[in-house]
Structure formats: C-alpha cells, structure tokens
Amino acid sequence: EMFFGANGNPDWNNLDQALIPIAD
C-alpha cells in the first residue's frame, strides 16, 4: 500500500513496465 496510487495518484512504480527491475 506504499506503492498503490490511490485517490487519483499514479502508482509509485509503473506496473505496466513491471518486468523491468528498475531499482536494480
């Protein structure tokens, strides 16, 4: 829930690109 973009906010990370480990 620290990643859910609730109340009109975008998700913290873009899950449409979730196959890219962006932090790594």
PDBML (XML) file of the C-alpha atoms, coordinates in Angstrom:
<?xml version="1.0" encoding="UTF-8" ?>
<PDBx:datablock datablockName="MODEL"
   xmlns:PDBx="http://pdbml.pdb.org/schema/pdbx-v50.xsd"
   xmlns:xsi="http://www.w3.org/2001/XMLSchema-instance"
   xsi:schemaLocation="http://pdbml.pdb.org/schema/pdbx-v50.xsd pdbx-v50.xsd">
   <PDBx:atom_siteCategory>
      <PDBx:atom_site id="1">
         <PDBx:B_iso_or_equiv>0.00</PDBx:B_iso_or_equiv>
         <PDBx:Cartn_x>0.000</PDBx:Cartn_x>
         <PDBx:Cartn_y>0.000</PDBx:Cartn_y>
         <PDBx:Cartn_z>0.000</PDBx:Cartn_z>
         <PDBx:auth_asym_id>A</PDBx:auth_asym_id>
         <PDBx:auth_atom_id>CA</PDBx:auth_atom_id>
         <PDBx:auth_comp_id>GLU</PDBx:auth_comp_id>
         <PDBx:auth_seq_id>1</PDBx:auth_seq_id>
         <PDBx:group_PDB>ATOM</PDBx:group_PDB>
         <PDBx:label_alt_id xsi:nil="true" />
         <PDBx:label_asym_id>A</PDBx:label_asym_id>
         <PDBx:label_atom_id>CA</PDBx:label_atom_id>
         <PDBx:label_comp_id>GLU</PDBx:label_comp_id>
         <PDBx:label_entity_id>1</PDBx:label_entity_id>
         <PDBx:label_seq_id>1</PDBx:label_seq_id>
         <PDBx:occupancy>1.00</PDBx:occupancy>
         <PDBx:pdbx_PDB_model_num>1</PDBx:pdbx_PDB_model_num>
         <PDBx:type_symbol>C</PDBx:type_symbol>
      </PDBx:atom_site>
      <PDBx:atom_site id="2">
         <PDBx:B_iso_or_equiv>0.00</PDBx:B_iso_or_equiv>
         <PDBx:Cartn_x>3.074</PDBx:Cartn_x>
         <PDBx:Cartn_y>2.229</PDBx:Cartn_y>
         <PDBx:Cartn_z>-0.100</PDBx:Cartn_z>
         <PDBx:auth_asym_id>A</PDBx:auth_asym_id>
         <PDBx:auth_atom_id>CA</PDBx:auth_atom_id>
         <PDBx:auth_comp_id>MET</PDBx:auth_comp_id>
         <PDBx:auth_seq_id>2</PDBx:auth_seq_id>
         <PDBx:group_PDB>ATOM</PDBx:group_PDB>
         <PDBx:label_alt_id xsi:nil="true" />
         <PDBx:label_asym_id>A</PDBx:label_asym_id>
         <PDBx:label_atom_id>CA</PDBx:label_atom_id>
         <PDBx:label_comp_id>MET</PDBx:label_comp_id>
         <PDBx:label_entity_id>1</PDBx:label_entity_id>
         <PDBx:label_seq_id>2</PDBx:label_seq_id>
         <PDBx:occupancy>1.00</PDBx:occupancy>
         <PDBx:pdbx_PDB_model_num>1</PDBx:pdbx_PDB_model_num>
         <PDBx:type_symbol>C</PDBx:type_symbol>
      </PDBx:atom_site>
      <PDBx:atom_site id="3">
         <PDBx:B_iso_or_equiv>0.00</PDBx:B_iso_or_equiv>
         <PDBx:Cartn_x>3.000</PDBx:Cartn_x>
         <PDBx:Cartn_y>1.565</PDBx:Cartn_y>
         <PDBx:Cartn_z>-3.876</PDBx:Cartn_z>
         <PDBx:auth_asym_id>A</PDBx:auth_asym_id>
         <PDBx:auth_atom_id>CA</PDBx:auth_atom_id>
         <PDBx:auth_comp_id>PHE</PDBx:auth_comp_id>
         <PDBx:auth_seq_id>3</PDBx:auth_seq_id>
         <PDBx:group_PDB>ATOM</PDBx:group_PDB>
         <PDBx:label_alt_id xsi:nil="true" />
         <PDBx:label_asym_id>A</PDBx:label_asym_id>
         <PDBx:label_atom_id>CA</PDBx:label_atom_id>
         <PDBx:label_comp_id>PHE</PDBx:label_comp_id>
         <PDBx:label_entity_id>1</PDBx:label_entity_id>
         <PDBx:label_seq_id>3</PDBx:label_seq_id>
         <PDBx:occupancy>1.00</PDBx:occupancy>
         <PDBx:pdbx_PDB_model_num>1</PDBx:pdbx_PDB_model_num>
         <PDBx:type_symbol>C</PDBx:type_symbol>
      </PDBx:atom_site>
      <PDBx:atom_site id="4">
         <PDBx:B_iso_or_equiv>0.00</PDBx:B_iso_or_equiv>
         <PDBx:Cartn_x>-0.756</PDBx:Cartn_x>
         <PDBx:Cartn_y>1.844</PDBx:Cartn_y>
         <PDBx:Cartn_z>-4.621</PDBx:Cartn_z>
         <PDBx:auth_asym_id>A</PDBx:auth_asym_id>
         <PDBx:auth_atom_id>CA</PDBx:auth_atom_id>
         <PDBx:auth_comp_id>PHE</PDBx:auth_comp_id>
         <PDBx:auth_seq_id>4</PDBx:auth_seq_id>
         <PDBx:group_PDB>ATOM</PDBx:group_PDB>
         <PDBx:label_alt_id xsi:nil="true" />
         <PDBx:label_asym_id>A</PDBx:label_asym_id>
         <PDBx:label_atom_id>CA</PDBx:label_atom_id>
         <PDBx:label_comp_id>PHE</PDBx:label_comp_id>
         <PDBx:label_entity_id>1</PDBx:label_entity_id>
         <PDBx:label_seq_id>4</PDBx:label_seq_id>
         <PDBx:occupancy>1.00</PDBx:occupancy>
         <PDBx:pdbx_PDB_model_num>1</PDBx:pdbx_PDB_model_num>
         <PDBx:type_symbol>C</PDBx:type_symbol>
      </PDBx:atom_site>
      <PDBx:atom_site id="5">
         <PDBx:B_iso_or_equiv>0.00</PDBx:B_iso_or_equiv>
         <PDBx:Cartn_x>-1.661</PDBx:Cartn_x>
         <PDBx:Cartn_y>5.070</PDBx:Cartn_y>
         <PDBx:Cartn_z>-6.397</PDBx:Cartn_z>
         <PDBx:auth_asym_id>A</PDBx:auth_asym_id>
         <PDBx:auth_atom_id>CA</PDBx:auth_atom_id>
         <PDBx:auth_comp_id>GLY</PDBx:auth_comp_id>
         <PDBx:auth_seq_id>5</PDBx:auth_seq_id>
         <PDBx:group_PDB>ATOM</PDBx:group_PDB>
         <PDBx:label_alt_id xsi:nil="true" />
         <PDBx:label_asym_id>A</PDBx:label_asym_id>
         <PDBx:label_atom_id>CA</PDBx:label_atom_id>
         <PDBx:label_comp_id>GLY</PDBx:label_comp_id>
         <PDBx:label_entity_id>1</PDBx:label_entity_id>
         <PDBx:label_seq_id>5</PDBx:label_seq_id>
         <PDBx:occupancy>1.00</PDBx:occupancy>
         <PDBx:pdbx_PDB_model_num>1</PDBx:pdbx_PDB_model_num>
         <PDBx:type_symbol>C</PDBx:type_symbol>
      </PDBx:atom_site>
      <PDBx:atom_site id="6">
         <PDBx:B_iso_or_equiv>0.00</PDBx:B_iso_or_equiv>
         <PDBx:Cartn_x>-4.993</PDBx:Cartn_x>
         <PDBx:Cartn_y>5.609</PDBx:Cartn_y>
         <PDBx:Cartn_z>-4.647</PDBx:Cartn_z>
         <PDBx:auth_asym_id>A</PDBx:auth_asym_id>
         <PDBx:auth_atom_id>CA</PDBx:auth_atom_id>
         <PDBx:auth_comp_id>ALA</PDBx:auth_comp_id>
         <PDBx:auth_seq_id>6</PDBx:auth_seq_id>
         <PDBx:group_PDB>ATOM</PDBx:group_PDB>
         <PDBx:label_alt_id xsi:nil="true" />
         <PDBx:label_asym_id>A</PDBx:label_asym_id>
         <PDBx:label_atom_id>CA</PDBx:label_atom_id>
         <PDBx:label_comp_id>ALA</PDBx:label_comp_id>
         <PDBx:label_entity_id>1</PDBx:label_entity_id>
         <PDBx:label_seq_id>6</PDBx:label_seq_id>
         <PDBx:occupancy>1.00</PDBx:occupancy>
         <PDBx:pdbx_PDB_model_num>1</PDBx:pdbx_PDB_model_num>
         <PDBx:type_symbol>C</PDBx:type_symbol>
      </PDBx:atom_site>
      <PDBx:atom_site id="7">
         <PDBx:B_iso_or_equiv>0.00</PDBx:B_iso_or_equiv>
         <PDBx:Cartn_x>-7.173</PDBx:Cartn_x>
         <PDBx:Cartn_y>8.713</PDBx:Cartn_y>
         <PDBx:Cartn_z>-4.806</PDBx:Cartn_z>
         <PDBx:auth_asym_id>A</PDBx:auth_asym_id>
         <PDBx:auth_atom_id>CA</PDBx:auth_atom_id>
         <PDBx:auth_comp_id>ASN</PDBx:auth_comp_id>
         <PDBx:auth_seq_id>7</PDBx:auth_seq_id>
         <PDBx:group_PDB>ATOM</PDBx:group_PDB>
         <PDBx:label_alt_id xsi:nil="true" />
         <PDBx:label_asym_id>A</PDBx:label_asym_id>
         <PDBx:label_atom_id>CA</PDBx:label_atom_id>
         <PDBx:label_comp_id>ASN</PDBx:label_comp_id>
         <PDBx:label_entity_id>1</PDBx:label_entity_id>
         <PDBx:label_seq_id>7</PDBx:label_seq_id>
         <PDBx:occupancy>1.00</PDBx:occupancy>
         <PDBx:pdbx_PDB_model_num>1</PDBx:pdbx_PDB_model_num>
         <PDBx:type_symbol>C</PDBx:type_symbol>
      </PDBx:atom_site>
      <PDBx:atom_site id="8">
         <PDBx:B_iso_or_equiv>0.00</PDBx:B_iso_or_equiv>
         <PDBx:Cartn_x>-6.136</PDBx:Cartn_x>
         <PDBx:Cartn_y>9.619</PDBx:Cartn_y>
         <PDBx:Cartn_z>-8.323</PDBx:Cartn_z>
         <PDBx:auth_asym_id>A</PDBx:auth_asym_id>
         <PDBx:auth_atom_id>CA</PDBx:auth_atom_id>
         <PDBx:auth_comp_id>GLY</PDBx:auth_comp_id>
         <PDBx:auth_seq_id>8</PDBx:auth_seq_id>
         <PDBx:group_PDB>ATOM</PDBx:group_PDB>
         <PDBx:label_alt_id xsi:nil="true" />
         <PDBx:label_asym_id>A</PDBx:label_asym_id>
         <PDBx:label_atom_id>CA</PDBx:label_atom_id>
         <PDBx:label_comp_id>GLY</PDBx:label_comp_id>
         <PDBx:label_entity_id>1</PDBx:label_entity_id>
         <PDBx:label_seq_id>8</PDBx:label_seq_id>
         <PDBx:occupancy>1.00</PDBx:occupancy>
         <PDBx:pdbx_PDB_model_num>1</PDBx:pdbx_PDB_model_num>
         <PDBx:type_symbol>C</PDBx:type_symbol>
      </PDBx:atom_site>
      <PDBx:atom_site id="9">
         <PDBx:B_iso_or_equiv>0.00</PDBx:B_iso_or_equiv>
         <PDBx:Cartn_x>-2.394</PDBx:Cartn_x>
         <PDBx:Cartn_y>9.288</PDBx:Cartn_y>
         <PDBx:Cartn_z>-7.728</PDBx:Cartn_z>
         <PDBx:auth_asym_id>A</PDBx:auth_asym_id>
         <PDBx:auth_atom_id>CA</PDBx:auth_atom_id>
         <PDBx:auth_comp_id>ASN</PDBx:auth_comp_id>
         <PDBx:auth_seq_id>9</PDBx:auth_seq_id>
         <PDBx:group_PDB>ATOM</PDBx:group_PDB>
         <PDBx:label_alt_id xsi:nil="true" />
         <PDBx:label_asym_id>A</PDBx:label_asym_id>
         <PDBx:label_atom_id>CA</PDBx:label_atom_id>
         <PDBx:label_comp_id>ASN</PDBx:label_comp_id>
         <PDBx:label_entity_id>1</PDBx:label_entity_id>
         <PDBx:label_seq_id>9</PDBx:label_seq_id>
         <PDBx:occupancy>1.00</PDBx:occupancy>
         <PDBx:pdbx_PDB_model_num>1</PDBx:pdbx_PDB_model_num>
         <PDBx:type_symbol>C</PDBx:type_symbol>
      </PDBx:atom_site>
      <PDBx:atom_site id="10">
         <PDBx:B_iso_or_equiv>0.00</PDBx:B_iso_or_equiv>
         <PDBx:Cartn_x>-0.330</PDBx:Cartn_x>
         <PDBx:Cartn_y>7.158</PDBx:Cartn_y>
         <PDBx:Cartn_z>-10.117</PDBx:Cartn_z>
         <PDBx:auth_asym_id>A</PDBx:auth_asym_id>
         <PDBx:auth_atom_id>CA</PDBx:auth_atom_id>
         <PDBx:auth_comp_id>PRO</PDBx:auth_comp_id>
         <PDBx:auth_seq_id>10</PDBx:auth_seq_id>
         <PDBx:group_PDB>ATOM</PDBx:group_PDB>
         <PDBx:label_alt_id xsi:nil="true" />
         <PDBx:label_asym_id>A</PDBx:label_asym_id>
         <PDBx:label_atom_id>CA</PDBx:label_atom_id>
         <PDBx:label_comp_id>PRO</PDBx:label_comp_id>
         <PDBx:label_entity_id>1</PDBx:label_entity_id>
         <PDBx:label_seq_id>10</PDBx:label_seq_id>
         <PDBx:occupancy>1.00</PDBx:occupancy>
         <PDBx:pdbx_PDB_model_num>1</PDBx:pdbx_PDB_model_num>
         <PDBx:type_symbol>C</PDBx:type_symbol>
      </PDBx:atom_site>
      <PDBx:atom_site id="11">
         <PDBx:B_iso_or_equiv>0.00</PDBx:B_iso_or_equiv>
         <PDBx:Cartn_x>1.268</PDBx:Cartn_x>
         <PDBx:Cartn_y>4.023</PDBx:Cartn_y>
         <PDBx:Cartn_z>-8.715</PDBx:Cartn_z>
         <PDBx:auth_asym_id>A</PDBx:auth_asym_id>
         <PDBx:auth_atom_id>CA</PDBx:auth_atom_id>
         <PDBx:auth_comp_id>ASP</PDBx:auth_comp_id>
         <PDBx:auth_seq_id>11</PDBx:auth_seq_id>
         <PDBx:group_PDB>ATOM</PDBx:group_PDB>
         <PDBx:label_alt_id xsi:nil="true" />
         <PDBx:label_asym_id>A</PDBx:label_asym_id>
         <PDBx:label_atom_id>CA</PDBx:label_atom_id>
         <PDBx:label_comp_id>ASP</PDBx:label_comp_id>
         <PDBx:label_entity_id>1</PDBx:label_entity_id>
         <PDBx:label_seq_id>11</PDBx:label_seq_id>
         <PDBx:occupancy>1.00</PDBx:occupancy>
         <PDBx:pdbx_PDB_model_num>1</PDBx:pdbx_PDB_model_num>
         <PDBx:type_symbol>C</PDBx:type_symbol>
      </PDBx:atom_site>
      <PDBx:atom_site id="12">
         <PDBx:B_iso_or_equiv>0.00</PDBx:B_iso_or_equiv>
         <PDBx:Cartn_x>4.656</PDBx:Cartn_x>
         <PDBx:Cartn_y>4.584</PDBx:Cartn_y>
         <PDBx:Cartn_z>-7.088</PDBx:Cartn_z>
         <PDBx:auth_asym_id>A</PDBx:auth_asym_id>
         <PDBx:auth_atom_id>CA</PDBx:auth_atom_id>
         <PDBx:auth_comp_id>TRP</PDBx:auth_comp_id>
         <PDBx:auth_seq_id>12</PDBx:auth_seq_id>
         <PDBx:group_PDB>ATOM</PDBx:group_PDB>
         <PDBx:label_alt_id xsi:nil="true" />
         <PDBx:label_asym_id>A</PDBx:label_asym_id>
         <PDBx:label_atom_id>CA</PDBx:label_atom_id>
         <PDBx:label_comp_id>TRP</PDBx:label_comp_id>
         <PDBx:label_entity_id>1</PDBx:label_entity_id>
         <PDBx:label_seq_id>12</PDBx:label_seq_id>
         <PDBx:occupancy>1.00</PDBx:occupancy>
         <PDBx:pdbx_PDB_model_num>1</PDBx:pdbx_PDB_model_num>
         <PDBx:type_symbol>C</PDBx:type_symbol>
      </PDBx:atom_site>
      <PDBx:atom_site id="13">
         <PDBx:B_iso_or_equiv>0.00</PDBx:B_iso_or_equiv>
         <PDBx:Cartn_x>6.227</PDBx:Cartn_x>
         <PDBx:Cartn_y>2.417</PDBx:Cartn_y>
         <PDBx:Cartn_z>-9.818</PDBx:Cartn_z>
         <PDBx:auth_asym_id>A</PDBx:auth_asym_id>
         <PDBx:auth_atom_id>CA</PDBx:auth_atom_id>
         <PDBx:auth_comp_id>ASN</PDBx:auth_comp_id>
         <PDBx:auth_seq_id>13</PDBx:auth_seq_id>
         <PDBx:group_PDB>ATOM</PDBx:group_PDB>
         <PDBx:label_alt_id xsi:nil="true" />
         <PDBx:label_asym_id>A</PDBx:label_asym_id>
         <PDBx:label_atom_id>CA</PDBx:label_atom_id>
         <PDBx:label_comp_id>ASN</PDBx:label_comp_id>
         <PDBx:label_entity_id>1</PDBx:label_entity_id>
         <PDBx:label_seq_id>13</PDBx:label_seq_id>
         <PDBx:occupancy>1.00</PDBx:occupancy>
         <PDBx:pdbx_PDB_model_num>1</PDBx:pdbx_PDB_model_num>
         <PDBx:type_symbol>C</PDBx:type_symbol>
      </PDBx:atom_site>
      <PDBx:atom_site id="14">
         <PDBx:B_iso_or_equiv>0.00</PDBx:B_iso_or_equiv>
         <PDBx:Cartn_x>4.773</PDBx:Cartn_x>
         <PDBx:Cartn_y>1.832</PDBx:Cartn_y>
         <PDBx:Cartn_z>-13.282</PDBx:Cartn_z>
         <PDBx:auth_asym_id>A</PDBx:auth_asym_id>
         <PDBx:auth_atom_id>CA</PDBx:auth_atom_id>
         <PDBx:auth_comp_id>ASN</PDBx:auth_comp_id>
         <PDBx:auth_seq_id>14</PDBx:auth_seq_id>
         <PDBx:group_PDB>ATOM</PDBx:group_PDB>
         <PDBx:label_alt_id xsi:nil="true" />
         <PDBx:label_asym_id>A</PDBx:label_asym_id>
         <PDBx:label_atom_id>CA</PDBx:label_atom_id>
         <PDBx:label_comp_id>ASN</PDBx:label_comp_id>
         <PDBx:label_entity_id>1</PDBx:label_entity_id>
         <PDBx:label_seq_id>14</PDBx:label_seq_id>
         <PDBx:occupancy>1.00</PDBx:occupancy>
         <PDBx:pdbx_PDB_model_num>1</PDBx:pdbx_PDB_model_num>
         <PDBx:type_symbol>C</PDBx:type_symbol>
      </PDBx:atom_site>
      <PDBx:atom_site id="15">
         <PDBx:B_iso_or_equiv>0.00</PDBx:B_iso_or_equiv>
         <PDBx:Cartn_x>3.372</PDBx:Cartn_x>
         <PDBx:Cartn_y>-1.692</PDBx:Cartn_y>
         <PDBx:Cartn_z>-13.231</PDBx:Cartn_z>
         <PDBx:auth_asym_id>A</PDBx:auth_asym_id>
         <PDBx:auth_atom_id>CA</PDBx:auth_atom_id>
         <PDBx:auth_comp_id>LEU</PDBx:auth_comp_id>
         <PDBx:auth_seq_id>15</PDBx:auth_seq_id>
         <PDBx:group_PDB>ATOM</PDBx:group_PDB>
         <PDBx:label_alt_id xsi:nil="true" />
         <PDBx:label_asym_id>A</PDBx:label_asym_id>
         <PDBx:label_atom_id>CA</PDBx:label_atom_id>
         <PDBx:label_comp_id>LEU</PDBx:label_comp_id>
         <PDBx:label_entity_id>1</PDBx:label_entity_id>
         <PDBx:label_seq_id>15</PDBx:label_seq_id>
         <PDBx:occupancy>1.00</PDBx:occupancy>
         <PDBx:pdbx_PDB_model_num>1</PDBx:pdbx_PDB_model_num>
         <PDBx:type_symbol>C</PDBx:type_symbol>
      </PDBx:atom_site>
      <PDBx:atom_site id="16">
         <PDBx:B_iso_or_equiv>0.00</PDBx:B_iso_or_equiv>
         <PDBx:Cartn_x>2.946</PDBx:Cartn_x>
         <PDBx:Cartn_y>-1.687</PDBx:Cartn_y>
         <PDBx:Cartn_z>-16.998</PDBx:Cartn_z>
         <PDBx:auth_asym_id>A</PDBx:auth_asym_id>
         <PDBx:auth_atom_id>CA</PDBx:auth_atom_id>
         <PDBx:auth_comp_id>ASP</PDBx:auth_comp_id>
         <PDBx:auth_seq_id>16</PDBx:auth_seq_id>
         <PDBx:group_PDB>ATOM</PDBx:group_PDB>
         <PDBx:label_alt_id xsi:nil="true" />
         <PDBx:label_asym_id>A</PDBx:label_asym_id>
         <PDBx:label_atom_id>CA</PDBx:label_atom_id>
         <PDBx:label_comp_id>ASP</PDBx:label_comp_id>
         <PDBx:label_entity_id>1</PDBx:label_entity_id>
         <PDBx:label_seq_id>16</PDBx:label_seq_id>
         <PDBx:occupancy>1.00</PDBx:occupancy>
         <PDBx:pdbx_PDB_model_num>1</PDBx:pdbx_PDB_model_num>
         <PDBx:type_symbol>C</PDBx:type_symbol>
      </PDBx:atom_site>
      <PDBx:atom_site id="17">
         <PDBx:B_iso_or_equiv>0.00</PDBx:B_iso_or_equiv>
         <PDBx:Cartn_x>6.760</PDBx:Cartn_x>
         <PDBx:Cartn_y>-1.890</PDBx:Cartn_y>
         <PDBx:Cartn_z>-17.002</PDBx:Cartn_z>
         <PDBx:auth_asym_id>A</PDBx:auth_asym_id>
         <PDBx:auth_atom_id>CA</PDBx:auth_atom_id>
         <PDBx:auth_comp_id>GLN</PDBx:auth_comp_id>
         <PDBx:auth_seq_id>17</PDBx:auth_seq_id>
         <PDBx:group_PDB>ATOM</PDBx:group_PDB>
         <PDBx:label_alt_id xsi:nil="true" />
         <PDBx:label_asym_id>A</PDBx:label_asym_id>
         <PDBx:label_atom_id>CA</PDBx:label_atom_id>
         <PDBx:label_comp_id>GLN</PDBx:label_comp_id>
         <PDBx:label_entity_id>1</PDBx:label_entity_id>
         <PDBx:label_seq_id>17</PDBx:label_seq_id>
         <PDBx:occupancy>1.00</PDBx:occupancy>
         <PDBx:pdbx_PDB_model_num>1</PDBx:pdbx_PDB_model_num>
         <PDBx:type_symbol>C</PDBx:type_symbol>
      </PDBx:atom_site>
      <PDBx:atom_site id="18">
         <PDBx:B_iso_or_equiv>0.00</PDBx:B_iso_or_equiv>
         <PDBx:Cartn_x>6.973</PDBx:Cartn_x>
         <PDBx:Cartn_y>-4.230</PDBx:Cartn_y>
         <PDBx:Cartn_z>-14.015</PDBx:Cartn_z>
         <PDBx:auth_asym_id>A</PDBx:auth_asym_id>
         <PDBx:auth_atom_id>CA</PDBx:auth_atom_id>
         <PDBx:auth_comp_id>ALA</PDBx:auth_comp_id>
         <PDBx:auth_seq_id>18</PDBx:auth_seq_id>
         <PDBx:group_PDB>ATOM</PDBx:group_PDB>
         <PDBx:label_alt_id xsi:nil="true" />
         <PDBx:label_asym_id>A</PDBx:label_asym_id>
         <PDBx:label_atom_id>CA</PDBx:label_atom_id>
         <PDBx:label_comp_id>ALA</PDBx:label_comp_id>
         <PDBx:label_entity_id>1</PDBx:label_entity_id>
         <PDBx:label_seq_id>18</PDBx:label_seq_id>
         <PDBx:occupancy>1.00</PDBx:occupancy>
         <PDBx:pdbx_PDB_model_num>1</PDBx:pdbx_PDB_model_num>
         <PDBx:type_symbol>C</PDBx:type_symbol>
      </PDBx:atom_site>
      <PDBx:atom_site id="19">
         <PDBx:B_iso_or_equiv>0.00</PDBx:B_iso_or_equiv>
         <PDBx:Cartn_x>9.146</PDBx:Cartn_x>
         <PDBx:Cartn_y>-6.754</PDBx:Cartn_y>
         <PDBx:Cartn_z>-15.860</PDBx:Cartn_z>
         <PDBx:auth_asym_id>A</PDBx:auth_asym_id>
         <PDBx:auth_atom_id>CA</PDBx:auth_atom_id>
         <PDBx:auth_comp_id>LEU</PDBx:auth_comp_id>
         <PDBx:auth_seq_id>19</PDBx:auth_seq_id>
         <PDBx:group_PDB>ATOM</PDBx:group_PDB>
         <PDBx:label_alt_id xsi:nil="true" />
         <PDBx:label_asym_id>A</PDBx:label_asym_id>
         <PDBx:label_atom_id>CA</PDBx:label_atom_id>
         <PDBx:label_comp_id>LEU</PDBx:label_comp_id>
         <PDBx:label_entity_id>1</PDBx:label_entity_id>
         <PDBx:label_seq_id>19</PDBx:label_seq_id>
         <PDBx:occupancy>1.00</PDBx:occupancy>
         <PDBx:pdbx_PDB_model_num>1</PDBx:pdbx_PDB_model_num>
         <PDBx:type_symbol>C</PDBx:type_symbol>
      </PDBx:atom_site>
      <PDBx:atom_site id="20">
         <PDBx:B_iso_or_equiv>0.00</PDBx:B_iso_or_equiv>
         <PDBx:Cartn_x>11.976</PDBx:Cartn_x>
         <PDBx:Cartn_y>-4.219</PDBx:Cartn_y>
         <PDBx:Cartn_z>-15.687</PDBx:Cartn_z>
         <PDBx:auth_asym_id>A</PDBx:auth_asym_id>
         <PDBx:auth_atom_id>CA</PDBx:auth_atom_id>
         <PDBx:auth_comp_id>ILE</PDBx:auth_comp_id>
         <PDBx:auth_seq_id>20</PDBx:auth_seq_id>
         <PDBx:group_PDB>ATOM</PDBx:group_PDB>
         <PDBx:label_alt_id xsi:nil="true" />
         <PDBx:label_asym_id>A</PDBx:label_asym_id>
         <PDBx:label_atom_id>CA</PDBx:label_atom_id>
         <PDBx:label_comp_id>ILE</PDBx:label_comp_id>
         <PDBx:label_entity_id>1</PDBx:label_entity_id>
         <PDBx:label_seq_id>20</PDBx:label_seq_id>
         <PDBx:occupancy>1.00</PDBx:occupancy>
         <PDBx:pdbx_PDB_model_num>1</PDBx:pdbx_PDB_model_num>
         <PDBx:type_symbol>C</PDBx:type_symbol>
      </PDBx:atom_site>
      <PDBx:atom_site id="21">
         <PDBx:B_iso_or_equiv>0.00</PDBx:B_iso_or_equiv>
         <PDBx:Cartn_x>13.606</PDBx:Cartn_x>
         <PDBx:Cartn_y>-4.253</PDBx:Cartn_y>
         <PDBx:Cartn_z>-12.204</PDBx:Cartn_z>
         <PDBx:auth_asym_id>A</PDBx:auth_asym_id>
         <PDBx:auth_atom_id>CA</PDBx:auth_atom_id>
         <PDBx:auth_comp_id>PRO</PDBx:auth_comp_id>
         <PDBx:auth_seq_id>21</PDBx:auth_seq_id>
         <PDBx:group_PDB>ATOM</PDBx:group_PDB>
         <PDBx:label_alt_id xsi:nil="true" />
         <PDBx:label_asym_id>A</PDBx:label_asym_id>
         <PDBx:label_atom_id>CA</PDBx:label_atom_id>
         <PDBx:label_comp_id>PRO</PDBx:label_comp_id>
         <PDBx:label_entity_id>1</PDBx:label_entity_id>
         <PDBx:label_seq_id>21</PDBx:label_seq_id>
         <PDBx:occupancy>1.00</PDBx:occupancy>
         <PDBx:pdbx_PDB_model_num>1</PDBx:pdbx_PDB_model_num>
         <PDBx:type_symbol>C</PDBx:type_symbol>
      </PDBx:atom_site>
      <PDBx:atom_site id="22">
         <PDBx:B_iso_or_equiv>0.00</PDBx:B_iso_or_equiv>
         <PDBx:Cartn_x>14.164</PDBx:Cartn_x>
         <PDBx:Cartn_y>-0.514</PDBx:Cartn_y>
         <PDBx:Cartn_z>-12.270</PDBx:Cartn_z>
         <PDBx:auth_asym_id>A</PDBx:auth_asym_id>
         <PDBx:auth_atom_id>CA</PDBx:auth_atom_id>
         <PDBx:auth_comp_id>ILE</PDBx:auth_comp_id>
         <PDBx:auth_seq_id>22</PDBx:auth_seq_id>
         <PDBx:group_PDB>ATOM</PDBx:group_PDB>
         <PDBx:label_alt_id xsi:nil="true" />
         <PDBx:label_asym_id>A</PDBx:label_asym_id>
         <PDBx:label_atom_id>CA</PDBx:label_atom_id>
         <PDBx:label_comp_id>ILE</PDBx:label_comp_id>
         <PDBx:label_entity_id>1</PDBx:label_entity_id>
         <PDBx:label_seq_id>22</PDBx:label_seq_id>
         <PDBx:occupancy>1.00</PDBx:occupancy>
         <PDBx:pdbx_PDB_model_num>1</PDBx:pdbx_PDB_model_num>
         <PDBx:type_symbol>C</PDBx:type_symbol>
      </PDBx:atom_site>
      <PDBx:atom_site id="23">
         <PDBx:B_iso_or_equiv>0.00</PDBx:B_iso_or_equiv>
         <PDBx:Cartn_x>15.858</PDBx:Cartn_x>
         <PDBx:Cartn_y>-0.231</PDBx:Cartn_y>
         <PDBx:Cartn_z>-8.870</PDBx:Cartn_z>
         <PDBx:auth_asym_id>A</PDBx:auth_asym_id>
         <PDBx:auth_atom_id>CA</PDBx:auth_atom_id>
         <PDBx:auth_comp_id>ALA</PDBx:auth_comp_id>
         <PDBx:auth_seq_id>23</PDBx:auth_seq_id>
         <PDBx:group_PDB>ATOM</PDBx:group_PDB>
         <PDBx:label_alt_id xsi:nil="true" />
         <PDBx:label_asym_id>A</PDBx:label_asym_id>
         <PDBx:label_atom_id>CA</PDBx:label_atom_id>
         <PDBx:label_comp_id>ALA</PDBx:label_comp_id>
         <PDBx:label_entity_id>1</PDBx:label_entity_id>
         <PDBx:label_seq_id>23</PDBx:label_seq_id>
         <PDBx:occupancy>1.00</PDBx:occupancy>
         <PDBx:pdbx_PDB_model_num>1</PDBx:pdbx_PDB_model_num>
         <PDBx:type_symbol>C</PDBx:type_symbol>
      </PDBx:atom_site>
      <PDBx:atom_site id="24">
         <PDBx:B_iso_or_equiv>0.00</PDBx:B_iso_or_equiv>
         <PDBx:Cartn_x>18.350</PDBx:Cartn_x>
         <PDBx:Cartn_y>-2.933</PDBx:Cartn_y>
         <PDBx:Cartn_z>-9.841</PDBx:Cartn_z>
         <PDBx:auth_asym_id>A</PDBx:auth_asym_id>
         <PDBx:auth_atom_id>CA</PDBx:auth_atom_id>
         <PDBx:auth_comp_id>ASP</PDBx:auth_comp_id>
         <PDBx:auth_seq_id>24</PDBx:auth_seq_id>
         <PDBx:group_PDB>ATOM</PDBx:group_PDB>
         <PDBx:label_alt_id xsi:nil="true" />
         <PDBx:label_asym_id>A</PDBx:label_asym_id>
         <PDBx:label_atom_id>CA</PDBx:label_atom_id>
         <PDBx:label_comp_id>ASP</PDBx:label_comp_id>
         <PDBx:label_entity_id>1</PDBx:label_entity_id>
         <PDBx:label_seq_id>24</PDBx:label_seq_id>
         <PDBx:occupancy>1.00</PDBx:occupancy>
         <PDBx:pdbx_PDB_model_num>1</PDBx:pdbx_PDB_model_num>
         <PDBx:type_symbol>C</PDBx:type_symbol>
      </PDBx:atom_site>
   </PDBx:atom_siteCategory>
</PDBx:datablock>
